[in-house]
Each structure stands twice: as structure tokens, then as C-alpha cells.
Amino acid sequence: MNSTHGLARDGLALKQLPLNLSFDAAYGGADRRRRIAYERLLLDAMEGRSTLFVRRDEIEAAWGWIDGLVAGWEALRIEPKPYPAGTWGPQGAAGLVERHQHSWQE
């Protein structure tokens, strides 16, 4: 395969890379990759390509699921446990998993 990524409008482009994929090394830096991703997303939106977008009914179904969780918390007077960003969650999370004979896989 000999192809590259970018803003080409002719579909998916494939390129052979080593298993230890480094986007910076392969594609010339994170800033370039991020910029191209947003440009591609905007071009897809302008051209009516909806593969990277969610339909309205999907969004409404997702919010319906979340609304059900929130309603359950409110009915049981349960508040979500806050925890610092970048951590594995509230302290009780590990105990909850262990009580059900499971463990976290890192």
C-alpha cells in the first residue's frame, strides 16, 4: 500500500506503518494531525457526508437513557460521587467492582 492521509475526497486512504504506530513520526506532528482532522470534519459537514455525525434520533435516545439514570438517582436521593480528573474514579469504585467478584484490568 502506498497512500497517505489528508483532505483527499476519494475515500479512505491506507498506509502501511510499523506496529508501534507514532502519528507524529508517520504524519508530521500532532498539530498538523489535529488541524487536518477538524478540516476534514468541516468538509464532510459541508458536503453532506454524515458518517462521522450522529442522527437526531440517536442523540435523543442517548439522552433518554441518561435521563433515566438521573431520574433513578433523584428517586433514590443518590448524588453522583465527584472525583478529581485523571483519576480512576471515586474511592468506592474499586470496592463496588470487588463486591461483584470482578477486577479492573489495566
PDB file of N, CA and C in Angstrom:
ATOM      1  N   MET A   1       0.848  -1.181   0.000  1.00  0.00           N
ATOM      2  CA  MET A   1       0.000   0.000   0.000  1.00  0.00           C
ATOM      3  C   MET A   1       0.890   1.240   0.000  1.00  0.00           C
ATOM      4  N   ASN A   2       0.518   2.199  -0.762  1.00  0.00           N
ATOM      5  CA  ASN A   2       1.280   3.434  -0.790  1.00  0.00           C
ATOM      6  C   ASN A   2       0.302   4.591  -0.918  1.00  0.00           C
ATOM      7  N   SER A   3      -0.203   5.035   0.198  1.00  0.00           N
ATOM      8  CA  SER A   3      -1.181   6.109   0.215  1.00  0.00           C
ATOM      9  C   SER A   3      -0.938   6.953   1.462  1.00  0.00           C
ATOM     10  N   THR A   4      -1.535   8.110   1.505  1.00  0.00           N
ATOM     11  CA  THR A   4      -1.351   8.985   2.656  1.00  0.00           C
ATOM     12  C   THR A   4      -2.691   9.528   3.112  1.00  0.00           C
ATOM     13  N   HIS A   5      -2.708  10.039   4.336  1.00  0.00           N
ATOM     14  CA  HIS A   5      -3.918  10.654   4.865  1.00  0.00           C
ATOM     15  C   HIS A   5      -3.987  12.093   4.377  1.00  0.00           C
ATOM     16  N   GLY A   6      -5.062  12.765   4.700  1.00  0.00           N
ATOM     17  CA  GLY A   6      -5.170  14.165   4.339  1.00  0.00           C
ATOM     18  C   GLY A   6      -6.589  14.541   4.003  1.00  0.00           C
ATOM     19  N   LEU A   7      -6.745  15.519   3.159  1.00  0.00           N
ATOM     20  CA  LEU A   7      -8.059  16.031   2.815  1.00  0.00           C
ATOM     21  C   LEU A   7      -8.568  15.487   1.492  1.00  0.00           C
ATOM     22  N   ALA A   8      -7.951  14.415   0.999  1.00  0.00           N
ATOM     23  CA  ALA A   8      -8.405  13.815  -0.253  1.00  0.00           C
ATOM     24  C   ALA A   8      -9.865  13.418  -0.110  1.00  0.00           C
ATOM     25  N   ARG A   9     -10.653  13.650  -1.127  1.00  0.00           N
ATOM     26  CA  ARG A   9     -12.089  13.387  -1.064  1.00  0.00           C
ATOM     27  C   ARG A   9     -12.453  12.064  -1.735  1.00  0.00           C
ATOM     28  N   ASP A  10     -11.465  11.229  -2.011  1.00  0.00           N
ATOM     29  CA  ASP A  10     -11.737   9.982  -2.718  1.00  0.00           C
ATOM     30  C   ASP A  10     -11.834   8.778  -1.783  1.00  0.00           C
ATOM     31  N   GLY A  11     -12.158   8.997  -0.527  1.00  0.00           N
ATOM     32  CA  GLY A  11     -12.380   7.901   0.402  1.00  0.00           C
ATOM     33  C   GLY A  11     -11.217   7.653   1.329  1.00  0.00           C
ATOM     34  N   LEU A  12     -11.254   6.505   1.969  1.00  0.00           N
ATOM     35  CA  LEU A  12     -10.260   6.114   2.945  1.00  0.00           C
ATOM     36  C   LEU A  12      -8.935   5.839   2.277  1.00  0.00           C
ATOM     37  N   ALA A  13      -7.877   6.361   2.846  1.00  0.00           N
ATOM     38  CA  ALA A  13      -6.544   6.114   2.327  1.00  0.00           C
ATOM     39  C   ALA A  13      -5.771   5.260   3.335  1.00  0.00           C
ATOM     40  N   LEU A  14      -5.132   4.200   2.867  1.00  0.00           N
ATOM     41  CA  LEU A  14      -4.404   3.295   3.737  1.00  0.00           C
ATOM     42  C   LEU A  14      -2.910   3.457   3.542  1.00  0.00           C
ATOM     43  N   LYS A  15      -2.177   3.166   4.611  1.00  0.00           N
ATOM     44  CA  LYS A  15      -0.730   3.265   4.560  1.00  0.00           C
ATOM     45  C   LYS A  15      -0.155   2.234   5.513  1.00  0.00           C
ATOM     46  N   GLN A  16       0.838   1.473   5.079  1.00  0.00           N
ATOM     47  CA  GLN A  16       1.486   0.521   5.959  1.00  0.00           C
ATOM     48  C   GLN A  16       2.379   1.275   6.927  1.00  0.00           C
ATOM     49  N   LEU A  17       2.245   0.903   8.218  1.00  0.00           N
ATOM     50  CA  LEU A  17       3.059   1.504   9.266  1.00  0.00           C
ATOM     51  C   LEU A  17       3.517   0.400  10.198  1.00  0.00           C
ATOM     52  N   PRO A  18       4.602   0.624  10.913  1.00  0.00           N
ATOM     53  CA  PRO A  18       5.031  -0.375  11.889  1.00  0.00           C
ATOM     54  C   PRO A  18       3.998  -0.490  13.009  1.00  0.00           C
ATOM     55  N   LEU A  19       4.007  -1.610  13.724  1.00  0.00           N
ATOM     56  CA  LEU A  19       3.039  -1.850  14.779  1.00  0.00           C
ATOM     57  C   LEU A  19       3.125  -0.792  15.878  1.00  0.00           C
ATOM     58  N   ASN A  20       4.299  -0.286  16.186  1.00  0.00           N
ATOM     59  CA  ASN A  20       4.426   0.756  17.208  1.00  0.00           C
ATOM     60  C   ASN A  20       4.149   2.119  16.585  1.00  0.00           C
ATOM     61  N   LEU A  21       2.920   2.307  16.162  1.00  0.00           N
ATOM     62  CA  LEU A  21       2.477   3.477  15.423  1.00  0.00           C
ATOM     63  C   LEU A  21       2.746   4.779  16.182  1.00  0.00           C
ATOM     64  N   SER A  22       3.416   5.685  15.561  1.00  0.00           N
ATOM     65  CA  SER A  22       3.628   7.024  16.084  1.00  0.00           C
ATOM     66  C   SER A  22       3.066   7.998  15.058  1.00  0.00           C
ATOM     67  N   PHE A  23       1.939   8.622  15.392  1.00  0.00           N
ATOM     68  CA  PHE A  23       1.340   9.557  14.452  1.00  0.00           C
ATOM     69  C   PHE A  23       2.259  10.732  14.165  1.00  0.00           C
ATOM     70  N   ASP A  24       2.974  11.201  15.187  1.00  0.00           N
ATOM     71  CA  ASP A  24       3.888  12.316  14.966  1.00  0.00           C
ATOM     72  C   ASP A  24       4.952  11.958  13.930  1.00  0.00           C
ATOM     73  N   ALA A  25       5.533  10.763  14.079  1.00  0.00           N
ATOM     74  CA  ALA A  25       6.574  10.353  13.130  1.00  0.00           C
ATOM     75  C   ALA A  25       5.985  10.050  11.760  1.00  0.00           C
ATOM     76  N   ALA A  26       4.834   9.412  11.737  1.00  0.00           N
ATOM     77  CA  ALA A  26       4.252   9.000  10.466  1.00  0.00           C
ATOM     78  C   ALA A  26       3.633  10.151   9.692  1.00  0.00           C
ATOM     79  N   TYR A  27       3.030  11.095  10.405  1.00  0.00           N
ATOM     80  CA  TYR A  27       2.246  12.127   9.726  1.00  0.00           C
ATOM     81  C   TYR A  27       2.733  13.540   9.960  1.00  0.00           C
ATOM     82  N   GLY A  28       3.833  13.720  10.642  1.00  0.00           N
ATOM     83  CA  GLY A  28       4.414  15.046  10.723  1.00  0.00           C
ATOM     84  C   GLY A  28       3.925  15.939  11.842  1.00  0.00           C
ATOM     85  N   GLY A  29       3.575  15.397  12.972  1.00  0.00           N
ATOM     86  CA  GLY A  29       3.272  16.237  14.125  1.00  0.00           C
ATOM     87  C   GLY A  29       1.814  16.263  14.517  1.00  0.00           C
ATOM     88  N   ALA A  30       1.583  16.378  15.816  1.00  0.00           N
ATOM     89  CA  ALA A  30       0.222  16.352  16.363  1.00  0.00           C
ATOM     90  C   ALA A  30      -0.596  17.553  15.914  1.00  0.00           C
ATOM     91  N   ASP A  31       0.012  18.742  15.864  1.00  0.00           N
ATOM     92  CA  ASP A  31      -0.754  19.931  15.473  1.00  0.00           C
ATOM     93  C   ASP A  31      -1.286  19.790  14.055  1.00  0.00           C
ATOM     94  N   ARG A  32      -0.474  19.273  13.171  1.00  0.00           N
ATOM     95  CA  ARG A  32      -0.916  19.068  11.784  1.00  0.00           C
ATOM     96  C   ARG A  32      -2.059  18.059  11.747  1.00  0.00           C
ATOM     97  N   ARG A  33      -1.930  16.964  12.493  1.00  0.00           N
ATOM     98  CA  ARG A  33      -2.969  15.936  12.505  1.00  0.00           C
ATOM     99  C   ARG A  33      -4.276  16.510  13.040  1.00  0.00           C
ATOM    100  N   ARG A  34      -4.207  17.278  14.122  1.00  0.00           N
ATOM    101  CA  ARG A  34      -5.413  17.851  14.715  1.00  0.00           C
ATOM    102  C   ARG A  34      -6.061  18.833  13.733  1.00  0.00           C
ATOM    103  N   ARG A  35      -5.263  19.659  13.090  1.00  0.00           N
ATOM    104  CA  ARG A  35      -5.805  20.622  12.140  1.00  0.00           C
ATOM    105  C   ARG A  35      -6.482  19.904  10.984  1.00  0.00           C
ATOM    106  N   ILE A  36      -5.845  18.882  10.454  1.00  0.00           N
ATOM    107  CA  ILE A  36      -6.424  18.165   9.327  1.00  0.00           C
ATOM    108  C   ILE A  36      -7.713  17.472   9.739  1.00  0.00           C
ATOM    109  N   ALA A  37      -7.778  16.935  10.960  1.00  0.00           N
ATOM    110  CA  ALA A  37      -8.995  16.258  11.420  1.00  0.00           C
ATOM    111  C   ALA A  37     -10.163  17.237  11.450  1.00  0.00           C
ATOM    112  N   TYR A  38      -9.956  18.439  11.962  1.00  0.00           N
ATOM    113  CA  TYR A  38     -11.043  19.419  12.004  1.00  0.00           C
ATOM    114  C   TYR A  38     -11.418  19.892  10.605  1.00  0.00           C
ATOM    115  N   GLU A  39     -10.440  20.085   9.756  1.00  0.00           N
ATOM    116  CA  GLU A  39     -10.738  20.484   8.384  1.00  0.00           C
ATOM    117  C   GLU A  39     -11.557  19.401   7.683  1.00  0.00           C
ATOM    118  N   ARG A  40     -11.178  18.163   7.888  1.00  0.00           N
ATOM    119  CA  ARG A  40     -11.898  17.042   7.265  1.00  0.00           C
ATOM    120  C   ARG A  40     -13.334  16.982   7.778  1.00  0.00           C
ATOM    121  N   LEU A  41     -13.508  17.167   9.091  1.00  0.00           N
ATOM    122  CA  LEU A  41     -14.841  17.145   9.680  1.00  0.00           C
ATOM    123  C   LEU A  41     -15.710  18.257   9.097  1.00  0.00           C
ATOM    124  N   LEU A  42     -15.156  19.451   8.982  1.00  0.00           N
ATOM    125  CA  LEU A  42     -15.907  20.567   8.408  1.00  0.00           C
ATOM    126  C   LEU A  42     -16.243  20.315   6.934  1.00  0.00           C
ATOM    127  N   LEU A  43     -15.285  19.793   6.178  1.00  0.00           N
ATOM    128  CA  LEU A  43     -15.559  19.480   4.771  1.00  0.00           C
ATOM    129  C   LEU A  43     -16.656  18.426   4.661  1.00  0.00           C
ATOM    130  N   ASP A  44     -16.604  17.400   5.517  1.00  0.00           N
ATOM    131  CA  ASP A  44     -17.658  16.379   5.493  1.00  0.00           C
ATOM    132  C   ASP A  44     -19.016  17.003   5.777  1.00  0.00           C
ATOM    133  N   ALA A  45     -19.079  17.901   6.746  1.00  0.00           N
ATOM    134  CA  ALA A  45     -20.347  18.556   7.086  1.00  0.00           C
ATOM    135  C   ALA A  45     -20.861  19.373   5.905  1.00  0.00           C
ATOM    136  N   MET A  46     -19.968  20.127   5.271  1.00  0.00           N
ATOM    137  CA  MET A  46     -20.382  20.968   4.145  1.00  0.00           C
ATOM    138  C   MET A  46     -20.819  20.150   2.944  1.00  0.00           C
ATOM    139  N   GLU A  47     -20.231  18.964   2.773  1.00  0.00           N
ATOM    140  CA  GLU A  47     -20.561  18.120   1.623  1.00  0.00           C
ATOM    141  C   GLU A  47     -21.691  17.141   1.921  1.00  0.00           C
ATOM    142  N   GLY A  48     -22.235  17.200   3.126  1.00  0.00           N
ATOM    143  CA  GLY A  48     -23.355  16.328   3.473  1.00  0.00           C
ATOM    144  C   GLY A  48     -22.971  14.897   3.777  1.00  0.00           C
ATOM    145  N   ARG A  49     -21.716  14.631   4.054  1.00  0.00           N
ATOM    146  CA  ARG A  49     -21.273  13.279   4.418  1.00  0.00           C
ATOM    147  C   ARG A  49     -21.519  13.092   5.909  1.00  0.00           C
ATOM    148  N   SER A  50     -22.417  12.209   6.246  1.00  0.00           N
ATOM    149  CA  SER A  50     -22.858  12.109   7.638  1.00  0.00           C
ATOM    150  C   SER A  50     -22.252  10.951   8.416  1.00  0.00           C
ATOM    151  N   THR A  51     -21.251  10.265   7.881  1.00  0.00           N
ATOM    152  CA  THR A  51     -20.721   9.088   8.566  1.00  0.00           C
ATOM    153  C   THR A  51     -20.089   9.407   9.915  1.00  0.00           C
ATOM    154  N   LEU A  52     -19.569  10.608  10.121  1.00  0.00           N
ATOM    155  CA  LEU A  52     -18.950  10.980  11.392  1.00  0.00           C
ATOM    156  C   LEU A  52     -19.907  11.719  12.320  1.00  0.00           C
ATOM    157  N   PHE A  53     -21.167  11.770  11.947  1.00  0.00           N
ATOM    158  CA  PHE A  53     -22.140  12.520  12.729  1.00  0.00           C
ATOM    159  C   PHE A  53     -23.241  11.596  13.236  1.00  0.00           C
ATOM    160  N   VAL A  54     -23.865  11.995  14.316  1.00  0.00           N
ATOM    161  CA  VAL A  54     -24.937  11.205  14.922  1.00  0.00           C
ATOM    162  C   VAL A  54     -26.276  11.806  14.507  1.00  0.00           C
ATOM    163  N   ARG A  55     -27.233  10.917  14.193  1.00  0.00           N
ATOM    164  CA  ARG A  55     -28.567  11.385  13.825  1.00  0.00           C
ATOM    165  C   ARG A  55     -29.302  11.914  15.050  1.00  0.00           C
ATOM    166  N   ARG A  56     -30.311  12.749  14.802  1.00  0.00           N
ATOM    167  CA  ARG A  56     -31.099  13.341  15.879  1.00  0.00           C
ATOM    168  C   ARG A  56     -31.748  12.274  16.762  1.00  0.00           C
ATOM    169  N   ASP A  57     -32.320  11.220  16.159  1.00  0.00           N
ATOM    170  CA  ASP A  57     -32.985  10.190  16.957  1.00  0.00           C
ATOM    171  C   ASP A  57     -31.989   9.430  17.833  1.00  0.00           C
ATOM    172  N   GLU A  58     -30.749   9.275  17.371  1.00  0.00           N
ATOM    173  CA  GLU A  58     -29.729   8.636  18.193  1.00  0.00           C
ATOM    174  C   GLU A  58     -29.383   9.496  19.406  1.00  0.00           C
ATOM    175  N   ILE A  59     -29.263  10.795  19.181  1.00  0.00           N
ATOM    176  CA  ILE A  59     -28.971  11.710  20.290  1.00  0.00           C
ATOM    177  C   ILE A  59     -30.111  11.703  21.301  1.00  0.00           C
ATOM    178  N   GLU A  60     -31.342  11.745  20.806  1.00  0.00           N
ATOM    179  CA  GLU A  60     -32.493  11.737  21.717  1.00  0.00           C
ATOM    180  C   GLU A  60     -32.560  10.432  22.505  1.00  0.00           C
ATOM    181  N   ALA A  61     -32.239   9.299  21.876  1.00  0.00           N
ATOM    182  CA  ALA A  61     -32.235   8.015  22.584  1.00  0.00           C
ATOM    183  C   ALA A  61     -31.148   7.991  23.655  1.00  0.00           C
ATOM    184  N   ALA A  62     -29.986   8.531  23.330  1.00  0.00           N
ATOM    185  CA  ALA A  62     -28.895   8.571  24.310  1.00  0.00           C
ATOM    186  C   ALA A  62     -29.274   9.434  25.510  1.00  0.00           C
ATOM    187  N   TRP A  63     -29.861  10.601  25.244  1.00  0.00           N
ATOM    188  CA  TRP A  63     -30.275  11.465  26.352  1.00  0.00           C
ATOM    189  C   TRP A  63     -31.418  10.831  27.140  1.00  0.00           C
ATOM    190  N   GLY A  64     -32.282  10.066  26.485  1.00  0.00           N
ATOM    191  CA  GLY A  64     -33.342   9.361  27.201  1.00  0.00           C
ATOM    192  C   GLY A  64     -32.767   8.363  28.193  1.00  0.00           C
ATOM    193  N   TRP A  65     -31.700   7.690  27.794  1.00  0.00           N
ATOM    194  CA  TRP A  65     -31.025   6.741  28.680  1.00  0.00           C
ATOM    195  C   TRP A  65     -30.416   7.475  29.877  1.00  0.00           C
ATOM    196  N   ILE A  66     -29.724   8.575  29.598  1.00  0.00           N
ATOM    197  CA  ILE A  66     -29.118   9.372  30.675  1.00  0.00           C
ATOM    198  C   ILE A  66     -30.198   9.941  31.585  1.00  0.00           C
ATOM    199  N   ASP A  67     -31.282  10.453  31.001  1.00  0.00           N
ATOM    200  CA  ASP A  67     -32.377  10.998  31.820  1.00  0.00           C
ATOM    201  C   ASP A  67     -32.940   9.940  32.766  1.00  0.00           C
ATOM    202  N   GLY A  68     -32.979   8.670  32.314  1.00  0.00           N
ATOM    203  CA  GLY A  68     -33.431   7.586  33.167  1.00  0.00           C
ATOM    204  C   GLY A  68     -32.511   7.373  34.363  1.00  0.00           C
ATOM    205  N   LEU A  69     -31.202   7.459  34.126  1.00  0.00           N
ATOM    206  CA  LEU A  69     -30.241   7.348  35.234  1.00  0.00           C
ATOM    207  C   LEU A  69     -30.427   8.479  36.234  1.00  0.00           C
ATOM    208  N   VAL A  70     -30.533   9.690  35.724  1.00  0.00           N
ATOM    209  CA  VAL A  70     -30.696  10.858  36.600  1.00  0.00           C
ATOM    210  C   VAL A  70     -31.998  10.747  37.393  1.00  0.00           C
ATOM    211  N   ALA A  71     -33.063  10.310  36.754  1.00  0.00           N
ATOM    212  CA  ALA A  71     -34.346  10.137  37.452  1.00  0.00           C
ATOM    213  C   ALA A  71     -34.221   9.087  38.557  1.00  0.00           C
ATOM    214  N   GLY A  72     -33.505   8.008  38.281  1.00  0.00           N
ATOM    215  CA  GLY A  72     -33.287   6.981  39.298  1.00  0.00           C
ATOM    216  C   GLY A  72     -32.503   7.518  40.477  1.00  0.00           C
ATOM    217  N   TRP A  73     -31.442   8.282  40.195  1.00  0.00           N
ATOM    218  CA  TRP A  73     -30.669   8.891  41.284  1.00  0.00           C
ATOM    219  C   TRP A  73     -31.543   9.815  42.119  1.00  0.00           C
ATOM    220  N   GLU A  74     -32.353  10.622  41.430  1.00  0.00           N
ATOM    221  CA  GLU A  74     -33.220  11.558  42.157  1.00  0.00           C
ATOM    222  C   GLU A  74     -34.245  10.816  42.998  1.00  0.00           C
ATOM    223  N   ALA A  75     -34.830   9.745  42.472  1.00  0.00           N
ATOM    224  CA  ALA A  75     -35.836   8.981  43.214  1.00  0.00           C
ATOM    225  C   ALA A  75     -35.234   8.337  44.456  1.00  0.00           C
ATOM    226  N   LEU A  76     -33.990   7.893  44.355  1.00  0.00           N
ATOM    227  CA  LEU A  76     -33.322   7.252  45.491  1.00  0.00           C
ATOM    228  C   LEU A  76     -32.514   8.236  46.337  1.00  0.00           C
ATOM    229  N   ARG A  77     -32.569   9.507  45.930  1.00  0.00           N
ATOM    230  CA  ARG A  77     -31.816  10.576  46.610  1.00  0.00           C
ATOM    231  C   ARG A  77     -30.317  10.259  46.669  1.00  0.00           C
ATOM    232  N   ILE A  78     -29.810   9.813  45.530  1.00  0.00           N
ATOM    233  CA  ILE A  78     -28.385   9.492  45.391  1.00  0.00           C
ATOM    234  C   ILE A  78     -27.732  10.595  44.571  1.00  0.00           C
ATOM    235  N   GLU A  79     -26.598  11.073  45.050  1.00  0.00           N
ATOM    236  CA  GLU A  79     -25.833  12.053  44.283  1.00  0.00           C
ATOM    237  C   GLU A  79     -24.590  11.380  43.722  1.00  0.00           C
ATOM    238  N   PRO A  80     -24.247  11.654  42.466  1.00  0.00           N
ATOM    239  CA  PRO A  80     -23.010  11.093  41.909  1.00  0.00           C
ATOM    240  C   PRO A  80     -21.818  11.512  42.765  1.00  0.00           C
ATOM    241  N   LYS A  81     -20.870  10.616  42.911  1.00  0.00           N
ATOM    242  CA  LYS A  81     -19.677  10.893  43.715  1.00  0.00           C
ATOM    243  C   LYS A  81     -18.652  11.631  42.862  1.00  0.00           C
ATOM    244  N   PRO A  82     -18.267  12.827  43.253  1.00  0.00           N
ATOM    245  CA  PRO A  82     -17.245  13.546  42.475  1.00  0.00           C
ATOM    246  C   PRO A  82     -15.857  12.927  42.705  1.00  0.00           C
ATOM    247  N   TYR A  83     -14.996  13.104  41.729  1.00  0.00           N
ATOM    248  CA  TYR A  83     -13.609  12.643  41.859  1.00  0.00           C
ATOM    249  C   TYR A  83     -12.741  13.509  40.948  1.00  0.00           C
ATOM    250  N   PRO A  84     -11.465  13.642  41.303  1.00  0.00           N
ATOM    251  CA  PRO A  84     -10.571  14.500  40.503  1.00  0.00           C
ATOM    252  C   PRO A  84     -10.352  13.955  39.097  1.00  0.00           C
ATOM    253  N   ALA A  85     -10.269  14.852  38.149  1.00  0.00           N
ATOM    254  CA  ALA A  85      -9.980  14.468  36.763  1.00  0.00           C
ATOM    255  C   ALA A  85      -8.654  13.729  36.705  1.00  0.00           C
ATOM    256  N   GLY A  86      -8.577  12.734  35.847  1.00  0.00           N
ATOM    257  CA  GLY A  86      -7.353  11.978  35.663  1.00  0.00           C
ATOM    258  C   GLY A  86      -7.183  10.830  36.637  1.00  0.00           C
ATOM    259  N   THR A  87      -8.141  10.644  37.549  1.00  0.00           N
ATOM    260  CA  THR A  87      -8.063   9.528  38.485  1.00  0.00           C
ATOM    261  C   THR A  87      -8.962   8.401  38.010  1.00  0.00           C
ATOM    262  N   TRP A  88      -8.950   7.281  38.735  1.00  0.00           N
ATOM    263  CA  TRP A  88      -9.737   6.104  38.366  1.00  0.00           C
ATOM    264  C   TRP A  88     -11.147   6.156  38.901  1.00  0.00           C
ATOM    265  N   GLY A  89     -11.557   7.279  39.447  1.00  0.00           N
ATOM    266  CA  GLY A  89     -12.919   7.399  39.951  1.00  0.00           C
ATOM    267  C   GLY A  89     -12.949   7.545  41.451  1.00  0.00           C
ATOM    268  N   PRO A  90     -14.154   7.595  42.013  1.00  0.00           N
ATOM    269  CA  PRO A  90     -14.269   7.746  43.469  1.00  0.00           C
ATOM    270  C   PRO A  90     -13.695   6.524  44.191  1.00  0.00           C
ATOM    271  N   GLN A  91     -13.323   6.706  45.447  1.00  0.00           N
ATOM    272  CA  GLN A  91     -12.687   5.631  46.213  1.00  0.00           C
ATOM    273  C   GLN A  91     -13.552   4.378  46.279  1.00  0.00           C
ATOM    274  N   GLY A  92     -14.842   4.516  46.335  1.00  0.00           N
ATOM    275  CA  GLY A  92     -15.725   3.368  46.447  1.00  0.00           C
ATOM    276  C   GLY A  92     -15.847   2.541  45.178  1.00  0.00           C
ATOM    277  N   ALA A  93     -15.337   3.021  44.058  1.00  0.00           N
ATOM    278  CA  ALA A  93     -15.479   2.303  42.789  1.00  0.00           C
ATOM    279  C   ALA A  93     -14.792   0.946  42.829  1.00  0.00           C
ATOM    280  N   ALA A  94     -13.595   0.878  43.383  1.00  0.00           N
ATOM    281  CA  ALA A  94     -12.875  -0.395  43.445  1.00  0.00           C
ATOM    282  C   ALA A  94     -13.638  -1.391  44.315  1.00  0.00           C
ATOM    283  N   GLY A  95     -14.164  -0.932  45.441  1.00  0.00           N
ATOM    284  CA  GLY A  95     -14.934  -1.816  46.316  1.00  0.00           C
ATOM    285  C   GLY A  95     -16.189  -2.332  45.645  1.00  0.00           C
ATOM    286  N   LEU A  96     -16.865  -1.494  44.881  1.00  0.00           N
ATOM    287  CA  LEU A  96     -18.067  -1.902  44.164  1.00  0.00           C
ATOM    288  C   LEU A  96     -17.760  -3.043  43.200  1.00  0.00           C
ATOM    289  N   VAL A  97     -16.681  -2.888  42.457  1.00  0.00           N
ATOM    290  CA  VAL A  97     -16.286  -3.905  41.486  1.00  0.00           C
ATOM    291  C   VAL A  97     -15.919  -5.199  42.206  1.00  0.00           C
ATOM    292  N   GLU A  98     -15.146  -5.095  43.292  1.00  0.00           N
ATOM    293  CA  GLU A  98     -14.703  -6.287  44.029  1.00  0.00           C
ATOM    294  C   GLU A  98     -15.874  -7.024  44.667  1.00  0.00           C
ATOM    295  N   ARG A  99     -16.882  -6.306  45.138  1.00  0.00           N
ATOM    296  CA  ARG A  99     -18.056  -6.955  45.746  1.00  0.00           C
ATOM    297  C   ARG A  99     -18.785  -7.851  44.761  1.00  0.00           C
ATOM    298  N   HIS A 100     -18.616  -7.589  43.478  1.00  0.00           N
ATOM    299  CA  HIS A 100     -19.262  -8.395  42.437  1.00  0.00           C
ATOM    300  C   HIS A 100     -18.275  -9.371  41.784  1.00  0.00           C
ATOM    301  N   GLN A 101     -17.174  -9.662  42.495  1.00  0.00           N
ATOM    302  CA  GLN A 101     -16.147 -10.613  42.050  1.00  0.00           C
ATOM    303  C   GLN A 101     -15.539 -10.263  40.701  1.00  0.00           C
ATOM    304  N   HIS A 102     -15.301  -8.989  40.488  1.00  0.00           N
ATOM    305  CA  HIS A 102     -14.629  -8.529  39.279  1.00  0.00           C
ATOM    306  C   HIS A 102     -13.412  -7.714  39.679  1.00  0.00           C
ATOM    307  N   SER A 103     -12.586  -7.363  38.703  1.00  0.00           N
ATOM    308  CA  SER A 103     -11.443  -6.509  38.979  1.00  0.00           C
ATOM    309  C   SER A 103     -11.178  -5.647  37.756  1.00  0.00           C
ATOM    310  N   TRP A 104     -10.495  -4.521  37.985  1.00  0.00           N
ATOM    311  CA  TRP A 104     -10.118  -3.627  36.895  1.00  0.00           C
ATOM    312  C   TRP A 104      -8.934  -4.230  36.146  1.00  0.00           C
ATOM    313  N   GLN A 105      -8.939  -4.113  34.863  1.00  0.00           N
ATOM    314  CA  GLN A 105      -7.826  -4.554  34.032  1.00  0.00           C
ATOM    315  C   GLN A 105      -7.119  -3.320  33.507  1.00  0.00           C
ATOM    316  N   GLU A 106      -5.841  -3.191  33.796  1.00  0.00           N
ATOM    317  CA  GLU A 106      -5.088  -2.016  33.329  1.00  0.00           C
ATOM    318  C   GLU A 106      -4.184  -2.389  32.188  1.00  0.00           C
TER     319      GLU A 106
END
